[in-house]
C-alpha atoms as a PDB file:
ATOM      1  CA  MET A   1      56.945  84.486 139.843  1.00  0.00           C
ATOM      2  CA  GLY A   2      59.906  82.850 137.991  1.00  0.00           C
ATOM      3  CA  ILE A   3      63.385  84.003 139.591  1.00  0.00           C
ATOM      4  CA  GLU A   4      66.713  83.917 137.705  1.00  0.00           C
ATOM      5  CA  SER A   5      69.089  81.666 139.430  1.00  0.00           C
ATOM      6  CA  SER A   6      71.545  84.737 139.468  1.00  0.00           C
ATOM      7  CA  ASN A   7      69.118  86.476 141.426  1.00  0.00           C
ATOM      8  CA  ILE A   8      68.546  84.166 144.463  1.00  0.00           C
ATOM      9  CA  ASP A   9      69.800  85.178 147.421  1.00  0.00           C
ATOM     10  CA  TRP A  10      72.127  82.132 147.877  1.00  0.00           C
ATOM     11  CA  ALA A  11      73.551  83.544 151.126  1.00  0.00           C
ATOM     12  CA  LEU A  12      70.113  84.167 152.818  1.00  0.00           C
ATOM     13  CA  LEU A  13      69.118  80.524 151.735  1.00  0.00           C
ATOM     14  CA  TYR A  14      72.204  79.217 152.977  1.00  0.00           C
ATOM     15  CA  ALA A  15      72.137  80.898 156.352  1.00  0.00           C
ATOM     16  CA  ILE A  16      68.465  79.671 156.873  1.00  0.00           C
ATOM     17  CA  LEU A  17      69.363  76.044 155.926  1.00  0.00           C
ATOM     18  CA  ALA A  18      72.760  76.177 158.287  1.00  0.00           C
ATOM     19  CA  GLY A  19      70.649  77.760 161.054  1.00  0.00           C
ATOM     20  CA  GLU A  20      73.121  80.637 161.008  1.00  0.00           C
ATOM     21  CA  ALA A  21      70.388  83.582 160.130  1.00  0.00           C
ATOM     22  CA  ASP A  22      70.059  86.442 162.372  1.00  0.00           C
ATOM     23  CA  GLU A  23      66.770  88.334 163.197  1.00  0.00           C
ATOM     24  CA  ALA A  24      67.030  90.428 159.929  1.00  0.00           C
ATOM     25  CA  GLN A  25      67.642  87.446 157.773  1.00  0.00           C
ATOM     26  CA  GLU A  26      64.928  85.582 159.357  1.00  0.00           C
ATOM     27  CA  ALA A  27      62.460  88.341 158.721  1.00  0.00           C
ATOM     28  CA  LYS A  28      63.635  88.493 155.398  1.00  0.00           C
ATOM     29  CA  TRP A  29      63.223  84.791 154.842  1.00  0.00           C
ATOM     30  CA  ARG A  30      59.772  84.741 155.966  1.00  0.00           C
ATOM     31  CA  GLU A  31      58.668  87.264 153.295  1.00  0.00           C
ATOM     32  CA  LEU A  32      60.213  85.547 150.677  1.00  0.00           C
ATOM     33  CA  PHE A  33      58.949  81.951 151.599  1.00  0.00           C
ATOM     34  CA  LEU A  34      55.521  83.425 151.424  1.00  0.00           C
ATOM     35  CA  SER A  35      55.664  85.165 148.212  1.00  0.00           C
ATOM     36  CA  SER A  36      57.858  83.177 146.023  1.00  0.00           C
ATOM     37  CA  GLY A  37      57.549  79.165 145.349  1.00  0.00           C
ATOM     38  CA  VAL A  38      60.953  79.344 144.172  1.00  0.00           C
ATOM     39  CA  TYR A  39      62.434  79.892 147.512  1.00  0.00           C
ATOM     40  CA  ARG A  40      60.014  77.379 148.864  1.00  0.00           C
ATOM     41  CA  ASP A  41      60.951  74.661 146.228  1.00  0.00           C
ATOM     42  CA  LEU A  42      64.704  75.459 147.032  1.00  0.00           C
ATOM     43  CA  TYR A  43      64.340  75.019 150.471  1.00  0.00           C
ATOM     44  CA  ASP A  44      62.611  71.744 150.329  1.00  0.00           C
ATOM     45  CA  GLU A  45      65.160  70.408 147.699  1.00  0.00           C
ATOM     46  CA  LEU A  46      68.313  71.489 149.689  1.00  0.00           C
ATOM     47  CA  LYS A  47      67.010  70.809 153.176  1.00  0.00           C
ATOM     48  CA  PRO A  48      67.962  66.932 153.029  1.00  0.00           C
ATOM     49  CA  ALA A  49      71.399  67.846 151.429  1.00  0.00           C
ATOM     50  CA  PHE A  50      72.355  69.634 154.640  1.00  0.00           C
ATOM     51  CA  ARG A  51      70.765  66.875 156.708  1.00  0.00           C
ATOM     52  CA  GLU A  52      73.481  64.664 155.194  1.00  0.00           C
ATOM     53  CA  ALA A  53      76.376  67.452 155.255  1.00  0.00           C
ATOM     54  CA  GLU A  54      75.901  68.171 158.944  1.00  0.00           C
ATOM     55  CA  ARG A  55      73.835  65.293 160.997  1.00  0.00           C
ATOM     56  CA  GLY A  56      74.936  66.853 164.230  1.00  0.00           C
ATOM     57  CA  GLU A  57      74.245  70.242 165.642  1.00  0.00           C
ATOM     58  CA  ALA A  58      73.184  71.784 162.201  1.00  0.00           C
ATOM     59  CA  PHE A  59      70.625  68.939 161.686  1.00  0.00           C
ATOM     60  CA  ARG A  60      69.098  69.785 164.939  1.00  0.00           C
ATOM     61  CA  ARG A  61      68.963  73.506 164.277  1.00  0.00           C
ATOM     62  CA  LEU A  62      67.190  72.901 161.132  1.00  0.00           C
ATOM     63  CA  GLN A  63      64.457  70.848 162.745  1.00  0.00           C
ATOM     64  CA  ALA A  64      63.691  73.536 165.067  1.00  0.00           C
ATOM     65  CA  LEU A  65      63.802  76.449 161.874  1.00  0.00           C
ATOM     66  CA  SER A  66      61.801  74.133 159.831  1.00  0.00           C
ATOM     67  CA  SER A  67      58.628  74.875 161.853  1.00  0.00           C
ATOM     68  CA  LEU A  68      58.964  78.729 160.613  1.00  0.00           C
ATOM     69  CA  HIS A  69      58.698  77.964 157.165  1.00  0.00           C
ATOM     70  CA  LEU A  70      55.706  75.466 157.080  1.00  0.00           C
ATOM     71  CA  GLY A  71      53.128  77.175 154.796  1.00  0.00           C
ATOM     72  CA  PRO A  72      49.579  75.910 153.289  1.00  0.00           C
ATOM     73  CA  ASP A  73      50.897  75.621 149.665  1.00  0.00           C
ATOM     74  CA  LEU A  74      53.226  72.798 150.905  1.00  0.00           C
ATOM     75  CA  THR A  75      51.129  69.786 150.469  1.00  0.00           C
ATOM     76  CA  PRO A  76      52.087  66.546 148.932  1.00  0.00           C
ATOM     77  CA  ALA A  77      49.844  67.532 145.774  1.00  0.00           C
ATOM     78  CA  ALA A  78      51.719  71.223 145.392  1.00  0.00           C
ATOM     79  CA  SER A  79      54.822  69.327 145.722  1.00  0.00           C
ATOM     80  CA  GLU A  80      54.235  66.860 142.648  1.00  0.00           C
ATOM     81  CA  ARG A  81      53.586  70.283 140.721  1.00  0.00           C
ATOM     82  CA  ARG A  82      57.173  71.541 141.139  1.00  0.00           C
ATOM     83  CA  PRO A  83      58.525  72.797 137.871  1.00  0.00           C
ATOM     84  CA  SER A  84      61.620  70.952 136.629  1.00  0.00           C
ATOM     85  CA  PRO A  85      63.686  74.233 136.488  1.00  0.00           C
ATOM     86  CA  VAL A  86      63.271  74.362 140.185  1.00  0.00           C
ATOM     87  CA  ARG A  87      65.234  70.838 140.097  1.00  0.00           C
ATOM     88  CA  SER A  88      67.670  72.193 138.283  1.00  0.00           C
ATOM     89  CA  ARG A  89      68.445  75.138 140.022  1.00  0.00           C
ATOM     90  CA  ALA A  90      68.623  72.917 143.404  1.00  0.00           C
ATOM     91  CA  ALA A  91      71.000  70.879 141.663  1.00  0.00           C
ATOM     92  CA  ALA A  92      73.219  73.893 140.698  1.00  0.00           C
ATOM     93  CA  LEU A  93      73.124  74.947 144.382  1.00  0.00           C
ATOM     94  CA  LEU A  94      74.091  71.328 145.541  1.00  0.00           C
ATOM     95  CA  ALA A  95      77.188  71.866 143.463  1.00  0.00           C
ATOM     96  CA  MET A  96      77.821  75.092 145.180  1.00  0.00           C
ATOM     97  CA  LEU A  97      77.558  73.732 148.740  1.00  0.00           C
ATOM     98  CA  THR A  98      81.167  73.367 148.963  1.00  0.00           C
ATOM     99  CA  VAL A  99      81.989  76.892 148.186  1.00  0.00           C
ATOM    100  CA  LEU A 100      79.279  78.232 150.490  1.00  0.00           C
ATOM    101  CA  PHE A 101      80.874  76.240 153.380  1.00  0.00           C
ATOM    102  CA  VAL A 102      83.991  77.837 152.704  1.00  0.00           C
ATOM    103  CA  ILE A 103      82.306  81.261 152.281  1.00  0.00           C
ATOM    104  CA  PHE A 104      80.505  81.082 155.482  1.00  0.00           C
ATOM    105  CA  PRO A 105      82.946  79.497 157.919  1.00  0.00           C
ATOM    106  CA  GLN A 106      80.674  80.165 160.840  1.00  0.00           C
ATOM    107  CA  SER A 107      78.421  77.336 160.071  1.00  0.00           C
ATOM    108  CA  LYS A 108      81.532  74.756 160.750  1.00  0.00           C
ATOM    109  CA  GLN A 109      81.421  72.747 163.826  1.00  0.00           C
ATOM    110  CA  PRO A 110      83.445  74.033 166.696  1.00  0.00           C
ATOM    111  CA  GLU A 111      87.248  72.498 166.147  1.00  0.00           C
ATOM    112  CA  THR A 112      88.514  70.523 168.735  1.00  0.00           C
ATOM    113  CA  PRO A 113      91.240  72.301 170.652  1.00  0.00           C
ATOM    114  CA  ALA A 114      94.651  70.873 170.293  1.00  0.00           C
ATOM    115  CA  VAL A 115      96.005  68.839 173.169  1.00  0.00           C
ATOM    116  CA  THR A 116      99.173  69.941 174.628  1.00  0.00           C
ATOM    117  CA  TRP A 117     101.194  68.311 177.290  1.00  0.00           C
ATOM    118  CA  GLN A 118     103.186  69.377 179.971  1.00  0.00           C
ATOM    119  CA  GLN A 119     106.060  67.549 182.097  1.00  0.00           C
ATOM    120  CA  ILE A 120     106.449  68.671 185.789  1.00  0.00           C
ATOM    121  CA  SER A 121     109.572  67.302 187.702  1.00  0.00           C
ATOM    122  CA  ALA A 122     110.205  67.574 191.741  1.00  0.00           C
ATOM    123  CA  ALA A 123     113.466  68.971 192.499  1.00  0.00           C
ATOM    124  CA  PRO A 124     116.110  67.093 194.521  1.00  0.00           C
ATOM    125  CA  GLY A 125     115.109  66.757 198.083  1.00  0.00           C
ATOM    126  CA  ARG A 126     111.835  68.340 197.787  1.00  0.00           C
ATOM    127  CA  SER A 127     108.069  66.498 197.223  1.00  0.00           C
ATOM    128  CA  THR A 128     105.718  68.286 194.923  1.00  0.00           C
ATOM    129  CA  VAL A 129     101.962  68.085 194.567  1.00  0.00           C
ATOM    130  CA  ILE A 130     100.209  68.600 191.424  1.00  0.00           C
ATOM    131  CA  THR A 131      96.393  68.945 190.813  1.00  0.00           C
ATOM    132  CA  PHE A 132      95.177  67.742 187.393  1.00  0.00           C
ATOM    133  CA  PRO A 133      92.299  69.433 185.533  1.00  0.00           C
ATOM    134  CA  GLU A 134      89.583  67.481 186.797  1.00  0.00           C
ATOM    135  CA  GLY A 135      90.644  67.767 190.439  1.00  0.00           C
ATOM    136  CA  SER A 136      92.771  64.415 190.913  1.00  0.00           C
ATOM    137  CA  THR A 137      96.227  64.839 192.609  1.00  0.00           C
ATOM    138  CA  VAL A 138      99.681  63.594 192.734  1.00  0.00           C
ATOM    139  CA  ARG A 139     102.543  63.923 195.311  1.00  0.00           C
ATOM    140  CA  LEU A 140     105.746  63.371 193.284  1.00  0.00           C
ATOM    141  CA  SER A 141     108.656  62.224 195.024  1.00  0.00           C
ATOM    142  CA  PRO A 142     112.012  64.128 194.833  1.00  0.00           C
ATOM    143  CA  LEU A 143     113.457  63.903 191.465  1.00  0.00           C
ATOM    144  CA  SER A 144     110.223  62.079 190.121  1.00  0.00           C
ATOM    145  CA  SER A 145     108.418  63.743 187.092  1.00  0.00           C
ATOM    146  CA  ILE A 146     105.021  63.241 185.490  1.00  0.00           C
ATOM    147  CA  ARG A 147     103.523  64.237 181.945  1.00  0.00           C
ATOM    148  CA  PHE A 148      99.980  64.969 181.598  1.00  0.00           C
ATOM    149  CA  PRO A 149      97.592  66.803 178.841  1.00  0.00           C
ATOM    150  CA  ASN A 150      96.211  70.276 179.418  1.00  0.00           C
ATOM    151  CA  GLY A 151      92.579  68.566 179.273  1.00  0.00           C
ATOM    152  CA  PHE A 152      91.809  65.105 179.598  1.00  0.00           C
ATOM    153  CA  ASP A 153      90.263  63.193 176.941  1.00  0.00           C
ATOM    154  CA  PRO A 154      86.182  62.616 177.355  1.00  0.00           C
ATOM    155  CA  HIS A 155      86.844  58.968 177.708  1.00  0.00           C
ATOM    156  CA  ARG A 156      89.811  58.369 179.530  1.00  0.00           C
ATOM    157  CA  ARG A 157      92.281  60.217 181.755  1.00  0.00           C
ATOM    158  CA  GLU A 158      96.067  59.340 181.570  1.00  0.00           C
ATOM    159  CA  VAL A 159      99.428  60.223 182.779  1.00  0.00           C
ATOM    160  CA  PHE A 160     102.967  59.261 182.290  1.00  0.00           C
ATOM    161  CA  LEU A 161     105.103  58.771 185.306  1.00  0.00           C
ATOM    162  CA  THR A 162     108.778  58.527 186.013  1.00  0.00           C
ATOM    163  CA  GLY A 163     110.192  57.776 189.624  1.00  0.00           C
ATOM    164  CA  GLU A 164     107.479  57.708 192.426  1.00  0.00           C
ATOM    165  CA  GLY A 165     104.030  59.580 193.033  1.00  0.00           C
ATOM    166  CA  TYR A 166     101.261  58.992 195.352  1.00  0.00           C
ATOM    167  CA  PHE A 167      98.069  59.578 193.520  1.00  0.00           C
ATOM    168  CA  ASN A 168      94.333  60.665 195.028  1.00  0.00           C
ATOM    169  CA  ILE A 169      91.782  60.051 192.003  1.00  0.00           C
ATOM    170  CA  THR A 170      88.677  61.831 191.627  1.00  0.00           C
ATOM    171  CA  LYS A 171      86.130  59.216 191.078  1.00  0.00           C
ATOM    172  CA  ASP A 172      84.563  59.395 187.339  1.00  0.00           C
ATOM    173  CA  SER A 173      83.066  55.766 186.529  1.00  0.00           C
ATOM    174  CA  ALA A 174      82.745  57.166 182.555  1.00  0.00           C
ATOM    175  CA  ARG A 175      86.561  58.040 182.444  1.00  0.00           C
ATOM    176  CA  PRO A 176      88.843  55.756 184.292  1.00  0.00           C
ATOM    177  CA  PHE A 177      92.398  57.005 185.007  1.00  0.00           C
ATOM    178  CA  TYR A 178      95.473  55.529 184.003  1.00  0.00           C
ATOM    179  CA  VAL A 179      99.018  55.865 185.321  1.00  0.00           C
ATOM    180  CA  HIS A 180     101.562  54.583 182.862  1.00  0.00           C
ATOM    181  CA  THR A 181     105.285  53.601 183.330  1.00  0.00           C
ATOM    182  CA  ARG A 182     107.639  52.077 180.712  1.00  0.00           C
ATOM    183  CA  GLN A 183     106.122  48.308 181.259  1.00  0.00           C
ATOM    184  CA  ILE A 184     102.990  48.876 183.606  1.00  0.00           C
ATOM    185  CA  SER A 185      99.866  50.967 183.680  1.00  0.00           C
ATOM    186  CA  THR A 186      97.447  51.272 186.443  1.00  0.00           C
ATOM    187  CA  LYS A 187      93.878  51.617 185.818  1.00  0.00           C
ATOM    188  CA  VAL A 188      91.596  53.274 188.562  1.00  0.00           C
ATOM    189  CA  LEU A 189      88.079  54.904 188.839  1.00  0.00           C
ATOM    190  CA  GLY A 190      88.730  56.745 192.155  1.00  0.00           C
ATOM    191  CA  THR A 191      91.181  55.663 194.859  1.00  0.00           C
ATOM    192  CA  ALA A 192      94.313  56.397 196.521  1.00  0.00           C
ATOM    193  CA  PHE A 193      97.618  54.235 195.667  1.00  0.00           C
ATOM    194  CA  GLN A 194     101.349  54.794 195.126  1.00  0.00           C
ATOM    195  CA  VAL A 195     103.502  53.950 192.236  1.00  0.00           C
ATOM    196  CA  GLN A 196     107.070  53.624 192.254  1.00  0.00           C
ATOM    197  CA  TYR A 197     108.905  52.903 188.760  1.00  0.00           C
ATOM    198  CA  ASP A 198     112.499  52.267 189.696  1.00  0.00           C
ATOM    199  CA  SER A 199     114.821  52.762 186.407  1.00  0.00           C
ATOM    200  CA  ALA A 200     112.806  50.262 184.558  1.00  0.00           C
ATOM    201  CA  LEU A 201     113.953  47.451 187.020  1.00  0.00           C
ATOM    202  CA  GLN A 202     111.126  47.459 189.048  1.00  0.00           C
ATOM    203  CA  VAL A 203     107.720  48.809 189.545  1.00  0.00           C
ATOM    204  CA  ARG A 204     105.740  48.850 192.473  1.00  0.00           C
ATOM    205  CA  ILE A 205     102.247  49.665 193.156  1.00  0.00           C
ATOM    206  CA  THR A 206     100.763  50.025 196.521  1.00  0.00           C
ATOM    207  CA  LEU A 207      96.947  50.520 196.890  1.00  0.00           C
ATOM    208  CA  VAL A 208      95.734  52.244 200.040  1.00  0.00           C
ATOM    209  CA  GLU A 209      92.106  52.697 199.237  1.00  0.00           C
ATOM    210  CA  GLY A 210      89.862  51.913 196.413  1.00  0.00           C
ATOM    211  CA  LYS A 211      90.368  49.024 193.481  1.00  0.00           C
ATOM    212  CA  VAL A 212      93.111  49.291 190.791  1.00  0.00           C
ATOM    213  CA  GLN A 213      93.873  46.997 187.946  1.00  0.00           C
ATOM    214  CA  VAL A 214      97.412  46.413 186.775  1.00  0.00           C
ATOM    215  CA  LEU A 215      97.912  45.961 183.023  1.00  0.00           C
ATOM    216  CA  ARG A 216     100.460  45.384 180.504  1.00  0.00           C
ATOM    217  CA  ASP A 217      99.924  45.761 177.075  1.00  0.00           C
ATOM    218  CA  ALA A 218      96.034  45.856 177.713  1.00  0.00           C
ATOM    219  CA  SER A 219      96.249  42.738 179.705  1.00  0.00           C
ATOM    220  CA  THR A 220      95.302  42.723 183.073  1.00  0.00           C
ATOM    221  CA  LEU A 221      97.948  41.098 185.315  1.00  0.00           C
ATOM    222  CA  ALA A 222      96.054  41.760 188.723  1.00  0.00           C
ATOM    223  CA  THR A 223      93.217  43.297 190.386  1.00  0.00           C
ATOM    224  CA  LEU A 224      94.318  45.023 193.537  1.00  0.00           C
ATOM    225  CA  GLN A 225      92.414  45.272 196.606  1.00  0.00           C
ATOM    226  CA  PRO A 226      92.922  47.804 199.590  1.00  0.00           C
ATOM    227  CA  ARG A 227      96.160  47.376 201.507  1.00  0.00           C
ATOM    228  CA  GLN A 228      97.803  45.336 198.869  1.00  0.00           C
ATOM    229  CA  ALA A 229     101.180  45.665 197.028  1.00  0.00           C
ATOM    230  CA  PHE A 230     102.167  44.652 193.499  1.00  0.00           C
ATOM    231  CA  THR A 231     105.673  44.321 192.437  1.00  0.00           C
ATOM    232  CA  TYR A 232     106.887  43.751 189.016  1.00  0.00           C
ATOM    233  CA  HIS A 233     110.328  42.632 188.150  1.00  0.00           C
ATOM    234  CA  ALA A 234     111.162  43.672 184.621  1.00  0.00           C
ATOM    235  CA  GLU A 235     114.548  41.240 184.358  1.00  0.00           C
ATOM    236  CA  ALA A 236     112.758  38.227 185.349  1.00  0.00           C
ATOM    237  CA  ASP A 237     109.367  39.270 183.896  1.00  0.00           C
ATOM    238  CA  ASN A 238     107.213  37.993 186.807  1.00  0.00           C
ATOM    239  CA  TRP A 239     105.493  39.584 189.799  1.00  0.00           C
ATOM    240  CA  GLU A 240     103.998  39.274 193.121  1.00  0.00           C
ATOM    241  CA  ILE A 241     101.512  40.681 195.489  1.00  0.00           C
ATOM    242  CA  ARG A 242     101.714  40.903 199.378  1.00  0.00           C
ATOM    243  CA  ASN A 243      99.114  42.340 201.800  1.00  0.00           C
ATOM    244  CA  ILE A 244     100.633  45.419 203.878  1.00  0.00           C
ATOM    245  CA  SER A 245      99.342  46.721 207.415  1.00  0.00           C
ATOM    246  CA  THR A 246      97.102  49.491 208.085  1.00  0.00           C
ATOM    247  CA  ALA A 247     100.286  51.389 209.666  1.00  0.00           C
ATOM    248  CA  GLU A 248     102.316  50.958 206.394  1.00  0.00           C
ATOM    249  CA  ALA A 249      99.366  52.282 204.488  1.00  0.00           C
ATOM    250  CA  GLY A 250      98.846  55.264 206.842  1.00  0.00           C
ATOM    251  CA  VAL A 251     102.616  55.846 206.415  1.00  0.00           C
ATOM    252  CA  LEU A 252     102.445  56.123 202.693  1.00  0.00           C
ATOM    253  CA  ALA A 253      99.235  58.396 202.918  1.00  0.00           C
ATOM    254  CA  GLY A 254     101.007  60.485 205.192  1.00  0.00           C
ATOM    255  CA  GLY A 255     104.059  61.271 202.717  1.00  0.00           C
ATOM    256  CA  GLY A 256     106.624  58.690 204.769  1.00  0.00           C
ATOM    257  CA  ILE A 257     108.594  56.149 203.438  1.00  0.00           C
ATOM    258  CA  VAL A 258     108.464  52.312 203.502  1.00  0.00           C
ATOM    259  CA  PHE A 259     110.971  49.599 203.218  1.00  0.00           C
ATOM    260  CA  GLU A 260     110.072  46.201 202.782  1.00  0.00           C
ATOM    261  CA  ALA A 261     112.915  43.683 202.449  1.00  0.00           C
ATOM    262  CA  THR A 262     114.224  46.324 200.009  1.00  0.00           C
ATOM    263  CA  PRO A 263     117.886  45.816 198.873  1.00  0.00           C
ATOM    264  CA  LEU A 264     120.223  48.493 199.756  1.00  0.00           C
ATOM    265  CA  ARG A 265     120.867  49.243 196.052  1.00  0.00           C
ATOM    266  CA  GLN A 266     117.359  50.426 195.937  1.00  0.00           C
ATOM    267  CA  VAL A 267     117.535  52.307 199.202  1.00  0.00           C
ATOM    268  CA  ALA A 268     120.693  54.095 197.929  1.00  0.00           C
ATOM    269  CA  THR A 269     118.485  55.312 195.081  1.00  0.00           C
ATOM    270  CA  LEU A 270     116.006  56.641 197.294  1.00  0.00           C
ATOM    271  CA  LEU A 271     118.265  58.410 199.345  1.00  0.00           C
ATOM    272  CA  GLU A 272     120.007  59.861 196.381  1.00  0.00           C
ATOM    273  CA  ARG A 273     116.442  61.494 195.284  1.00  0.00           C
ATOM    274  CA  TYR A 274     115.240  62.297 198.365  1.00  0.00           C
ATOM    275  CA  PHE A 275     118.551  64.034 199.944  1.00  0.00           C
ATOM    276  CA  ASP A 276     120.536  65.017 197.029  1.00  0.00           C
ATOM    277  CA  VAL A 277     123.330  62.907 198.075  1.00  0.00           C
ATOM    278  CA  LYS A 278     125.701  60.551 196.177  1.00  0.00           C
ATOM    279  CA  VAL A 279     125.613  56.727 197.579  1.00  0.00           C
ATOM    280  CA  HIS A 280     128.612  54.058 197.138  1.00  0.00           C
ATOM    281  CA  PHE A 281     129.290  50.767 198.562  1.00  0.00           C
ATOM    282  CA  ALA A 282     132.793  49.774 199.740  1.00  0.00           C
ATOM    283  CA  HIS A 283     131.701  46.025 198.385  1.00  0.00           C
ATOM    284  CA  PRO A 284     129.378  45.230 195.720  1.00  0.00           C
ATOM    285  CA  SER A 285     128.076  42.275 198.248  1.00  0.00           C
ATOM    286  CA  LEU A 286     126.722  45.289 200.583  1.00  0.00           C
ATOM    287  CA  ALA A 287     124.237  46.548 197.953  1.00  0.00           C
ATOM    288  CA  ALA A 288     122.208  43.131 198.009  1.00  0.00           C
ATOM    289  CA  LEU A 289     121.678  43.267 201.758  1.00  0.00           C
ATOM    290  CA  ARG A 290     117.930  44.042 202.533  1.00  0.00           C
ATOM    291  CA  PHE A 291     116.322  46.641 204.737  1.00  0.00           C
ATOM    292  CA  THR A 292     112.845  46.760 206.392  1.00  0.00           C
ATOM    293  CA  SER A 293     111.573  49.910 208.260  1.00  0.00           C
ATOM    294  CA  MET A 294     109.193  52.566 208.347  1.00  0.00           C
ATOM    295  CA  PHE A 295     109.568  56.515 208.535  1.00  0.00           C
ATOM    296  CA  ASN A 296     106.705  58.694 208.928  1.00  0.00           C
ATOM    297  CA  HIS A 297     108.964  61.627 208.736  1.00  0.00           C
ATOM    298  CA  PRO A 298     111.934  60.670 206.958  1.00  0.00           C
ATOM    299  CA  SER A 299     115.375  62.347 207.725  1.00  0.00           C
ATOM    300  CA  LEU A 300     118.754  61.067 205.985  1.00  0.00           C
ATOM    301  CA  THR A 301     120.313  60.723 209.641  1.00  0.00           C
ATOM    302  CA  ASN A 302     117.221  58.572 210.815  1.00  0.00           C
ATOM    303  CA  ILE A 303     117.335  56.363 207.874  1.00  0.00           C
ATOM    304  CA  LEU A 304     121.142  55.803 207.966  1.00  0.00           C
ATOM    305  CA  GLN A 305     120.890  55.039 211.350  1.00  0.00           C
ATOM    306  CA  ALA A 306     118.565  52.480 211.224  1.00  0.00           C
ATOM    307  CA  ILE A 307     120.358  50.808 208.216  1.00  0.00           C
ATOM    308  CA  LYS A 308     123.472  50.774 210.469  1.00  0.00           C
ATOM    309  CA  ALA A 309     121.302  49.226 213.664  1.00  0.00           C
ATOM    310  CA  SER A 310     119.730  46.495 211.181  1.00  0.00           C
ATOM    311  CA  ASN A 311     122.930  44.993 209.328  1.00  0.00           C
ATOM    312  CA  LYS A 312     126.378  44.654 209.734  1.00  0.00           C
ATOM    313  CA  ILE A 313     127.279  47.855 207.862  1.00  0.00           C
ATOM    314  CA  ASP A 314     128.433  51.151 208.737  1.00  0.00           C
ATOM    315  CA  TYR A 315     128.814  54.314 206.635  1.00  0.00           C
ATOM    316  CA  THR A 316     130.945  57.592 206.405  1.00  0.00           C
ATOM    317  CA  ILE A 317     130.013  60.761 205.089  1.00  0.00           C
ATOM    318  CA  ARG A 318     132.248  63.093 203.137  1.00  0.00           C
ATOM    319  CA  ASP A 319     131.582  66.314 200.708  1.00  0.00           C
ATOM    320  CA  ASN A 320     127.983  65.178 200.211  1.00  0.00           C
ATOM    321  CA  THR A 321     128.789  61.256 199.551  1.00  0.00           C
ATOM    322  CA  ILE A 322     127.706  58.244 201.762  1.00  0.00           C
ATOM    323  CA  LEU A 323     129.943  55.407 201.500  1.00  0.00           C
ATOM    324  CA  PHE A 324     128.666  51.846 203.268  1.00  0.00           C
ATOM    325  CA  ILE A 325     131.224  49.808 204.640  1.00  0.00           C
ATOM    326  CA  ARG A 326     131.359  46.732 206.684  1.00  0.00           C
ATOM    327  CA  LYS A 327     131.395  46.883 210.258  1.00  0.00           C
ATOM    328  CA  ASN A 328     134.664  45.697 212.110  1.00  0.00           C
END
């Protein structure tokens, strides 16, 4: 009954142990297993090694396959009578396992696909709606951009925003959604909110519905409730929270624009992004004036007329350039 090591069908033994045998190999294995104590002993010696080598899917396959190979000879007494040469051959095969894993790559666990990132930017004067792989969406304001992976991590979803975006997040309690800007991150499970990132000077997060956490360096700065706006001022390194009206929340959800005591320098930045114009101030003090208004369907003319009506300021337009001046 003895078989020389060189005559053992190592490929078959490996396929059985790894759970990769096809029907023909399994039929051959049954025949050898029942007729040869050497194969039975090798199987019993090597099975624990494969458990250690692949504790995941291969281990579960081995458990299922082991029921095919249980014979009447495999009693504890029979195991105790195994000849020592079998152990030597088993030890030799253990040394060969590394080579066998290379020869038979089909037994390897599937490799995780490489994560690739893409970046999408909205054109001047145009908003862009993007749908993420799991169904969440963001409406990017003009000249804003977002970077996101081709597939989210199993434990978290994260994107990187520059500019302004209105998010509708699909609820997934097992995978929170993170929106990162340079200083601030927003963590949500399922909600609707707007993030405005203004040239590293200010970050504003306006929550329409749901709940979000505002983070900086993994520390929670605030937890927002519906119809609250969080503003972080980078230069002063401080923040504030204010309540917003139902009307303001509705304007933001519908793609409108809200100004709440906003300095005209920030209004000018928005006008340049939304309407592809250049904005200048005849005197620097004009840029510090503040402007409050809401626009469901914003147009350049409507916003300029509202600024003129609410401040002691006028404007001229020439060659796609707006100049704010003091009223006479």
